[in-house]
C-alpha atoms as a PDB file:
ATOM      1  CA  MET A   1      18.535  60.256 -28.738  1.00  0.00           C
ATOM      2  CA  SER A   2      20.063  57.098 -30.206  1.00  0.00           C
ATOM      3  CA  THR A   3      21.202  57.278 -33.837  1.00  0.00           C
ATOM      4  CA  THR A   4      20.070  53.638 -34.351  1.00  0.00           C
ATOM      5  CA  GLN A   5      16.507  54.760 -33.763  1.00  0.00           C
ATOM      6  CA  TYR A   6      16.208  56.112 -37.334  1.00  0.00           C
ATOM      7  CA  THR A   7      18.051  53.530 -39.407  1.00  0.00           C
ATOM      8  CA  ALA A   8      16.696  52.894 -42.915  1.00  0.00           C
ATOM      9  CA  GLY A   9      15.574  49.433 -41.930  1.00  0.00           C
ATOM     10  CA  ARG A  10      13.558  50.570 -38.969  1.00  0.00           C
ATOM     11  CA  THR A  11      12.029  53.441 -40.885  1.00  0.00           C
ATOM     12  CA  ALA A  12      10.923  51.055 -43.698  1.00  0.00           C
ATOM     13  CA  ALA A  13       9.467  48.597 -41.246  1.00  0.00           C
ATOM     14  CA  ARG A  14       7.559  51.401 -39.458  1.00  0.00           C
ATOM     15  CA  THR A  15       6.231  52.790 -42.744  1.00  0.00           C
ATOM     16  CA  GLY A  16       5.178  49.316 -43.884  1.00  0.00           C
ATOM     17  CA  ALA A  17       3.357  48.707 -40.639  1.00  0.00           C
ATOM     18  CA  ILE A  18       1.458  51.979 -40.954  1.00  0.00           C
ATOM     19  CA  LEU A  19       0.490  51.209 -44.567  1.00  0.00           C
ATOM     20  CA  THR A  20      -0.669  47.718 -43.569  1.00  0.00           C
ATOM     21  CA  VAL A  21      -2.863  49.161 -40.843  1.00  0.00           C
ATOM     22  CA  PHE A  22      -4.388  51.710 -43.218  1.00  0.00           C
ATOM     23  CA  ALA A  23      -4.983  49.057 -45.872  1.00  0.00           C
ATOM     24  CA  ALA A  24      -6.709  46.783 -43.339  1.00  0.00           C
ATOM     25  CA  LEU A  25      -8.902  49.655 -42.103  1.00  0.00           C
ATOM     26  CA  PHE A  26      -9.781  50.704 -45.600  1.00  0.00           C
ATOM     27  CA  THR A  27     -10.640  47.147 -46.679  1.00  0.00           C
ATOM     28  CA  ALA A  28     -12.778  46.660 -43.580  1.00  0.00           C
ATOM     29  CA  ALA A  29     -14.601  49.919 -44.288  1.00  0.00           C
ATOM     30  CA  MET A  30     -15.243  48.933 -47.870  1.00  0.00           C
ATOM     31  CA  ALA A  31     -16.535  45.504 -46.842  1.00  0.00           C
ATOM     32  CA  PHE A  32     -18.827  47.035 -44.249  1.00  0.00           C
ATOM     33  CA  THR A  33     -20.195  49.565 -46.719  1.00  0.00           C
ATOM     34  CA  TYR A  34     -20.742  46.880 -49.351  1.00  0.00           C
ATOM     35  CA  SER A  35     -22.597  44.702 -46.803  1.00  0.00           C
ATOM     36  CA  LEU A  36     -24.863  47.628 -46.012  1.00  0.00           C
ATOM     37  CA  THR A  37     -25.584  48.587 -49.598  1.00  0.00           C
ATOM     38  CA  LYS A  38     -25.711  45.052 -51.099  1.00  0.00           C
ATOM     39  CA  PRO A  39     -29.445  44.582 -50.505  1.00  0.00           C
ATOM     40  CA  ASP A  40     -30.267  47.985 -52.024  1.00  0.00           C
ATOM     41  CA  ILE A  41     -28.053  47.257 -55.036  1.00  0.00           C
ATOM     42  CA  ALA A  42     -29.705  43.880 -55.575  1.00  0.00           C
ATOM     43  CA  ALA A  43     -33.139  45.464 -55.241  1.00  0.00           C
ATOM     44  CA  ALA A  44     -32.270  48.178 -57.785  1.00  0.00           C
ATOM     45  CA  VAL A  45     -30.994  45.565 -60.291  1.00  0.00           C
ATOM     46  CA  ALA A  46     -34.106  43.471 -59.814  1.00  0.00           C
ATOM     47  CA  GLU A  47     -36.361  46.493 -60.294  1.00  0.00           C
ATOM     48  CA  THR A  48     -34.535  47.398 -63.503  1.00  0.00           C
ATOM     49  CA  LYS A  49     -35.047  43.847 -64.793  1.00  0.00           C
ATOM     50  CA  ARG A  50     -38.691  43.888 -63.841  1.00  0.00           C
ATOM     51  CA  LYS A  51     -39.311  47.163 -65.732  1.00  0.00           C
ATOM     52  CA  LEU A  52     -37.474  45.880 -68.786  1.00  0.00           C
ATOM     53  CA  ILE A  53     -39.421  42.578 -68.820  1.00  0.00           C
ATOM     54  CA  ALA A  54     -42.652  44.435 -68.309  1.00  0.00           C
ATOM     55  CA  GLU A  55     -42.027  46.132 -71.652  1.00  0.00           C
ATOM     56  CA  VAL A  56     -42.153  42.805 -73.465  1.00  0.00           C
ATOM     57  CA  LEU A  57     -44.564  40.875 -71.347  1.00  0.00           C
ATOM     58  CA  PRO A  58     -47.420  42.456 -69.320  1.00  0.00           C
ATOM     59  CA  PRO A  59     -47.015  41.753 -65.550  1.00  0.00           C
ATOM     60  CA  ASP A  60     -50.652  40.593 -65.376  1.00  0.00           C
ATOM     61  CA  ALA A  61     -49.882  37.792 -67.870  1.00  0.00           C
ATOM     62  CA  TYR A  62     -48.191  35.667 -65.189  1.00  0.00           C
ATOM     63  CA  ASP A  63     -48.339  35.136 -61.406  1.00  0.00           C
ATOM     64  CA  ASN A  64     -44.989  33.473 -60.564  1.00  0.00           C
ATOM     65  CA  ALA A  65     -41.828  35.159 -59.225  1.00  0.00           C
ATOM     66  CA  LEU A  66     -40.438  35.497 -62.738  1.00  0.00           C
ATOM     67  CA  LEU A  67     -36.990  36.781 -61.801  1.00  0.00           C
ATOM     68  CA  GLU A  68     -36.489  33.797 -59.558  1.00  0.00           C
ATOM     69  CA  ASP A  69     -37.815  31.359 -62.114  1.00  0.00           C
ATOM     70  CA  ALA A  70     -34.778  31.581 -64.271  1.00  0.00           C
ATOM     71  CA  ILE A  71     -32.234  29.229 -65.809  1.00  0.00           C
ATOM     72  CA  HIS A  72     -28.805  29.844 -67.308  1.00  0.00           C
ATOM     73  CA  LEU A  73     -27.861  29.226 -70.886  1.00  0.00           C
ATOM     74  CA  PRO A  74     -24.366  28.043 -71.916  1.00  0.00           C
ATOM     75  CA  ALA A  75     -22.687  29.693 -74.921  1.00  0.00           C
ATOM     76  CA  ASN A  76     -25.119  29.491 -77.789  1.00  0.00           C
ATOM     77  CA  GLU A  77     -24.151  30.270 -81.369  1.00  0.00           C
ATOM     78  CA  LYS A  78     -27.756  30.523 -82.620  1.00  0.00           C
ATOM     79  CA  LEU A  79     -28.679  33.062 -79.904  1.00  0.00           C
ATOM     80  CA  GLY A  80     -25.406  34.931 -80.460  1.00  0.00           C
ATOM     81  CA  LEU A  81     -24.432  34.340 -76.810  1.00  0.00           C
ATOM     82  CA  ASP A  82     -20.631  33.821 -76.656  1.00  0.00           C
ATOM     83  CA  ASP A  83     -20.721  33.905 -72.841  1.00  0.00           C
ATOM     84  CA  GLY A  84     -24.095  32.374 -72.251  1.00  0.00           C
ATOM     85  CA  GLY A  85     -27.215  34.094 -70.995  1.00  0.00           C
ATOM     86  CA  THR A  86     -30.457  33.761 -69.050  1.00  0.00           C
ATOM     87  CA  VAL A  87     -33.990  32.581 -69.760  1.00  0.00           C
ATOM     88  CA  TYR A  88     -36.841  33.739 -67.492  1.00  0.00           C
ATOM     89  CA  ARG A  89     -39.974  31.548 -67.340  1.00  0.00           C
ATOM     90  CA  ALA A  90     -43.413  33.120 -66.946  1.00  0.00           C
ATOM     91  CA  ARG A  91     -46.150  30.947 -65.586  1.00  0.00           C
ATOM     92  CA  GLU A  92     -49.766  31.337 -64.475  1.00  0.00           C
ATOM     93  CA  ALA A  93     -51.257  28.928 -61.900  1.00  0.00           C
ATOM     94  CA  GLY A  94     -48.236  26.765 -62.640  1.00  0.00           C
ATOM     95  CA  SER A  95     -48.808  26.557 -66.389  1.00  0.00           C
ATOM     96  CA  PRO A  96     -46.269  27.878 -68.863  1.00  0.00           C
ATOM     97  CA  VAL A  97     -47.079  31.334 -70.333  1.00  0.00           C
ATOM     98  CA  ALA A  98     -43.952  32.673 -71.977  1.00  0.00           C
ATOM     99  CA  LEU A  99     -40.146  32.567 -72.091  1.00  0.00           C
ATOM    100  CA  ILE A 100     -38.046  35.742 -71.971  1.00  0.00           C
ATOM    101  CA  VAL A 101     -34.755  34.896 -73.698  1.00  0.00           C
ATOM    102  CA  GLU A 102     -31.522  36.913 -73.806  1.00  0.00           C
ATOM    103  CA  ALA A 103     -29.991  37.057 -77.207  1.00  0.00           C
ATOM    104  CA  ARG A 104     -27.508  39.053 -79.305  1.00  0.00           C
ATOM    105  CA  ALA A 105     -27.286  40.053 -82.932  1.00  0.00           C
ATOM    106  CA  PRO A 106     -23.567  39.773 -83.706  1.00  0.00           C
ATOM    107  CA  ASN A 107     -23.610  41.753 -86.959  1.00  0.00           C
ATOM    108  CA  GLY A 108     -24.937  45.218 -86.151  1.00  0.00           C
ATOM    109  CA  TYR A 109     -23.290  48.176 -87.875  1.00  0.00           C
ATOM    110  CA  GLY A 110     -21.560  49.176 -84.667  1.00  0.00           C
ATOM    111  CA  GLY A 111     -21.042  45.632 -83.326  1.00  0.00           C
ATOM    112  CA  ALA A 112     -23.194  43.250 -81.369  1.00  0.00           C
ATOM    113  CA  ILE A 113     -26.748  44.264 -80.423  1.00  0.00           C
ATOM    114  CA  GLY A 114     -28.110  42.849 -77.109  1.00  0.00           C
ATOM    115  CA  MET A 115     -31.796  41.983 -76.843  1.00  0.00           C
ATOM    116  CA  ILE A 116     -34.484  40.267 -74.792  1.00  0.00           C
ATOM    117  CA  VAL A 117     -37.133  38.382 -76.711  1.00  0.00           C
ATOM    118  CA  ALA A 118     -40.415  37.294 -75.140  1.00  0.00           C
ATOM    119  CA  VAL A 119     -42.029  34.217 -76.788  1.00  0.00           C
ATOM    120  CA  ARG A 120     -45.441  33.015 -75.730  1.00  0.00           C
ATOM    121  CA  THR A 121     -46.287  29.351 -75.653  1.00  0.00           C
ATOM    122  CA  ASP A 122     -48.331  29.622 -78.845  1.00  0.00           C
ATOM    123  CA  GLY A 123     -45.100  30.527 -80.684  1.00  0.00           C
ATOM    124  CA  SER A 124     -45.877  34.220 -81.032  1.00  0.00           C
ATOM    125  CA  LEU A 125     -43.642  37.116 -79.959  1.00  0.00           C
ATOM    126  CA  SER A 126     -44.979  39.104 -77.041  1.00  0.00           C
ATOM    127  CA  GLY A 127     -42.270  41.767 -77.514  1.00  0.00           C
ATOM    128  CA  VAL A 128     -38.635  42.512 -78.267  1.00  0.00           C
ATOM    129  CA  ARG A 129     -36.344  45.139 -76.730  1.00  0.00           C
ATOM    130  CA  VAL A 130     -32.814  46.133 -77.546  1.00  0.00           C
ATOM    131  CA  THR A 131     -30.862  46.262 -74.318  1.00  0.00           C
ATOM    132  CA  ASP A 132     -27.437  47.443 -75.506  1.00  0.00           C
ATOM    133  CA  HIS A 133     -25.846  48.474 -78.770  1.00  0.00           C
ATOM    134  CA  LYS A 134     -23.372  50.823 -80.494  1.00  0.00           C
ATOM    135  CA  GLU A 135     -25.448  51.684 -83.542  1.00  0.00           C
ATOM    136  CA  THR A 136     -24.960  55.122 -85.060  1.00  0.00           C
ATOM    137  CA  PRO A 137     -26.830  57.787 -83.042  1.00  0.00           C
ATOM    138  CA  GLY A 138     -29.675  59.351 -84.983  1.00  0.00           C
ATOM    139  CA  LEU A 139     -29.370  56.821 -87.776  1.00  0.00           C
ATOM    140  CA  GLY A 140     -29.207  53.124 -86.890  1.00  0.00           C
ATOM    141  CA  ASP A 141     -30.185  53.468 -83.207  1.00  0.00           C
ATOM    142  CA  TYR A 142     -33.847  53.481 -84.082  1.00  0.00           C
ATOM    143  CA  VAL A 143     -33.824  49.722 -83.312  1.00  0.00           C
ATOM    144  CA  ASP A 144     -33.694  50.823 -79.671  1.00  0.00           C
ATOM    145  CA  ARG A 145     -37.175  51.889 -78.733  1.00  0.00           C
ATOM    146  CA  LYS A 146     -35.939  54.524 -76.288  1.00  0.00           C
ATOM    147  CA  LYS A 147     -33.957  56.225 -79.064  1.00  0.00           C
ATOM    148  CA  ASP A 148     -36.480  55.806 -81.873  1.00  0.00           C
ATOM    149  CA  SER A 149     -37.657  59.292 -82.911  1.00  0.00           C
ATOM    150  CA  ASN A 150     -40.970  57.787 -84.046  1.00  0.00           C
ATOM    151  CA  LYS A 151     -42.617  57.573 -80.616  1.00  0.00           C
ATOM    152  CA  ALA A 152     -46.072  56.970 -82.144  1.00  0.00           C
ATOM    153  CA  SER A 153     -44.968  53.765 -83.916  1.00  0.00           C
ATOM    154  CA  PRO A 154     -41.535  52.581 -82.834  1.00  0.00           C
ATOM    155  CA  TRP A 155     -39.762  50.330 -85.288  1.00  0.00           C
ATOM    156  CA  ILE A 156     -39.173  47.473 -82.777  1.00  0.00           C
ATOM    157  CA  ASP A 157     -42.916  47.189 -82.040  1.00  0.00           C
ATOM    158  CA  GLN A 158     -43.560  45.541 -85.436  1.00  0.00           C
ATOM    159  CA  PHE A 159     -42.372  42.231 -83.918  1.00  0.00           C
ATOM    160  CA  SER A 160     -45.165  42.149 -81.357  1.00  0.00           C
ATOM    161  CA  GLY A 161     -47.700  39.430 -82.103  1.00  0.00           C
ATOM    162  CA  THR A 162     -45.783  37.964 -85.062  1.00  0.00           C
ATOM    163  CA  SER A 163     -44.938  34.296 -85.386  1.00  0.00           C
ATOM    164  CA  PHE A 164     -43.842  31.873 -88.102  1.00  0.00           C
ATOM    165  CA  GLU A 165     -47.535  31.016 -88.614  1.00  0.00           C
ATOM    166  CA  THR A 166     -48.557  34.617 -89.290  1.00  0.00           C
ATOM    167  CA  LEU A 167     -45.310  35.498 -91.060  1.00  0.00           C
ATOM    168  CA  PRO A 168     -43.438  32.767 -92.980  1.00  0.00           C
ATOM    169  CA  ARG A 169     -39.762  32.398 -92.114  1.00  0.00           C
ATOM    170  CA  ASP A 170     -38.688  33.558 -95.610  1.00  0.00           C
ATOM    171  CA  ASP A 171     -40.435  36.919 -95.019  1.00  0.00           C
ATOM    172  CA  TRP A 172     -38.310  37.741 -91.998  1.00  0.00           C
ATOM    173  CA  ARG A 173     -36.253  40.234 -93.875  1.00  0.00           C
ATOM    174  CA  VAL A 174     -36.403  43.962 -94.574  1.00  0.00           C
ATOM    175  CA  GLN A 175     -38.617  44.974 -97.460  1.00  0.00           C
ATOM    176  CA  LYS A 176     -35.537  46.023 -99.424  1.00  0.00           C
ATOM    177  CA  ASP A 177     -34.451  42.360 -99.446  1.00  0.00           C
ATOM    178  CA  GLY A 178     -37.906  41.054-100.368  1.00  0.00           C
ATOM    179  CA  GLY A 179     -39.153  40.596 -96.766  1.00  0.00           C
ATOM    180  CA  ARG A 180     -42.021  42.141 -94.825  1.00  0.00           C
ATOM    181  CA  PHE A 181     -40.253  44.297 -92.251  1.00  0.00           C
ATOM    182  CA  ILE A 182     -39.947  48.023 -92.736  1.00  0.00           C
ATOM    183  CA  TYR A 183     -36.606  49.766 -92.259  1.00  0.00           C
ATOM    184  CA  ARG A 184     -35.153  53.233 -92.208  1.00  0.00           C
ATOM    185  CA  THR A 185     -33.285  54.452 -95.313  1.00  0.00           C
ATOM    186  CA  GLY A 186     -29.558  54.649 -94.729  1.00  0.00           C
ATOM    187  CA  ALA A 187     -29.566  52.236 -91.771  1.00  0.00           C
ATOM    188  CA  THR A 188     -30.485  48.895 -93.219  1.00  0.00           C
ATOM    189  CA  ILE A 189     -27.696  46.921 -91.583  1.00  0.00           C
ATOM    190  CA  SER A 190     -29.030  47.501 -88.051  1.00  0.00           C
ATOM    191  CA  ALA A 191     -32.490  46.360 -89.052  1.00  0.00           C
ATOM    192  CA  ARG A 192     -31.203  43.313 -90.872  1.00  0.00           C
ATOM    193  CA  ALA A 193     -29.186  42.277 -87.863  1.00  0.00           C
ATOM    194  CA  VAL A 194     -32.042  42.577 -85.435  1.00  0.00           C
ATOM    195  CA  ILE A 195     -34.602  40.878 -87.651  1.00  0.00           C
ATOM    196  CA  GLU A 196     -32.387  37.889 -88.279  1.00  0.00           C
ATOM    197  CA  ALA A 197     -31.441  37.540 -84.618  1.00  0.00           C
ATOM    198  CA  VAL A 198     -35.072  37.730 -83.512  1.00  0.00           C
ATOM    199  CA  ALA A 199     -36.049  35.099 -86.097  1.00  0.00           C
ATOM    200  CA  LYS A 200     -33.299  32.754 -84.908  1.00  0.00           C
ATOM    201  CA  THR A 201     -34.224  33.293 -81.280  1.00  0.00           C
ATOM    202  CA  LEU A 202     -37.887  32.541 -82.061  1.00  0.00           C
ATOM    203  CA  ASP A 203     -36.980  29.439 -83.986  1.00  0.00           C
ATOM    204  CA  TRP A 204     -34.638  28.161 -81.209  1.00  0.00           C
ATOM    205  CA  THR A 205     -37.063  28.916 -78.419  1.00  0.00           C
ATOM    206  CA  ASN A 206     -39.970  27.218 -80.149  1.00  0.00           C
ATOM    207  CA  ALA A 207     -37.839  24.131 -80.689  1.00  0.00           C
ATOM    208  CA  HIS A 208     -36.787  23.925 -77.040  1.00  0.00           C
ATOM    209  CA  ARG A 209     -39.848  25.314 -75.228  1.00  0.00           C
ATOM    210  CA  GLU A 210     -40.776  22.197 -73.238  1.00  0.00           C
ATOM    211  CA  ALA A 211     -37.135  21.489 -72.177  1.00  0.00           C
ATOM    212  CA  LEU A 212     -36.629  25.101 -71.154  1.00  0.00           C
ATOM    213  CA  PHE A 213     -39.679  25.083 -68.929  1.00  0.00           C
ATOM    214  CA  ALA A 214     -38.705  21.678 -67.471  1.00  0.00           C
ATOM    215  CA  THR A 215     -35.136  22.637 -66.569  1.00  0.00           C
ATOM    216  CA  PRO A 216     -34.736  23.023 -62.769  1.00  0.00           C
ATOM    217  CA  THR A 217     -34.665  26.647 -61.607  1.00  0.00           C
ATOM    218  CA  GLY A 218     -31.186  28.070 -61.218  1.00  0.00           C
ATOM    219  CA  THR A 219     -29.466  25.384 -63.218  1.00  0.00           C
ATOM    220  CA  THR A 220     -27.900  25.550 -66.655  1.00  0.00           C
ATOM    221  CA  PHE A 221     -29.854  24.366 -69.651  1.00  0.00           C
ATOM    222  CA  LYS A 222     -28.088  21.353 -71.170  1.00  0.00           C
ATOM    223  CA  PRO A 223     -28.217  20.648 -74.892  1.00  0.00           C
ATOM    224  CA  ASN A 224     -29.904  17.377 -75.585  1.00  0.00           C
ATOM    225  CA  ALA A 225     -28.113  14.404 -77.039  1.00  0.00           C
ATOM    226  CA  GLY A 226     -28.552  15.853 -80.559  1.00  0.00           C
ATOM    227  CA  GLY A 227     -26.827  19.097 -79.601  1.00  0.00           C
ATOM    228  CA  GLU A 228     -29.927  21.098 -80.713  1.00  0.00           C
ATOM    229  CA  ALA A 229     -29.165  23.943 -78.319  1.00  0.00           C
ATOM    230  CA  LYS A 230     -26.449  25.075 -80.664  1.00  0.00           C
END
């Protein structure tokens, strides 16, 4: 057997070739698995979105493919969206019914609170749901309907049906601050953050309703010349 057969250079080259082959096979396997599971993953994500939206807007209120009738939002200070978001448009027989808007309250006790807010074309709220948060478990997390211990009358449900016509803008505060919204003792900050964010979202959505419905599907909503989207 030749001693040159096992030189350091040849061993390194052989090891490198083996690793390259394994890396290529592993990458191909991952890509193949992803291609097989991608439709199922997409279907699961869509089903999760449908269930969440159904909590704020009844499915029988519209007849369009709501998840496909969506537009993108650029970063929006009023909605608390540093990285932008999405607006879903609900229509019935082609006519606008409601807008489901992603928003964030930046000043929760534990940080930002993510939400979806459904606004009907008459300017009333169909529903609000907290989608993500870091509020204190068992104290401030009652803003999240799933974690609210009061299952008979969840705190977040008090937004349903309200509008600036039925509840003046100055009353969109917790009762402790002179407003109309109830809150839980010891966790006022969470309630304040959500109420203010919902009010801002309602105000912004009402102001841009026609433009939001008119924006082509799949495109990004562009602020008008006056920069009102901010």
